[in-house]
Amino acid sequence: MESLSNIEWEEFYKITDTNEAAAFLIQKLKTTVEKYQYIRKIPSRRRPLKPWITAGLIRSIRNRNKLHKILKRSPDDESIKEHYTNYRNLFNKLIKIVKKKYYETQFAKFSVK
């Protein structure tokens, strides 16, 4: 790392307090890492799904989102609001069940008997 060799180390050697020396070193290392690190943003379409999300859950997510859009367009319609709320609550329960079941099977698969 070229940047680490360019740090004024004489200043570091003049510090007598160990806490100050550690803070100086940490600060210099942080700035060097931040300077050279590369952060790649992954679009949500390319982001990997959680392992417990199935194709059926994806369809349900899309359906829930469509219902939410419809509700936002007509917030005064009580039947749409009730339908969306019931669907959302049922979907949230389903997600909890599927997630719990997935992790139970994973723990059972890797547990020592």
Foldseek 3Di string as FASTA:
>chain_A
DVQVVVDPCVVLVPDDDPVVSVVVVVVSVVVVCVVPDDDDDDDPVPDDDDPLQDPVLVVLVVVLVVLVVVCVVPVPDVVSVVVSVVSVVVSVVVVVVSVVVVVVVVCVVPPDD
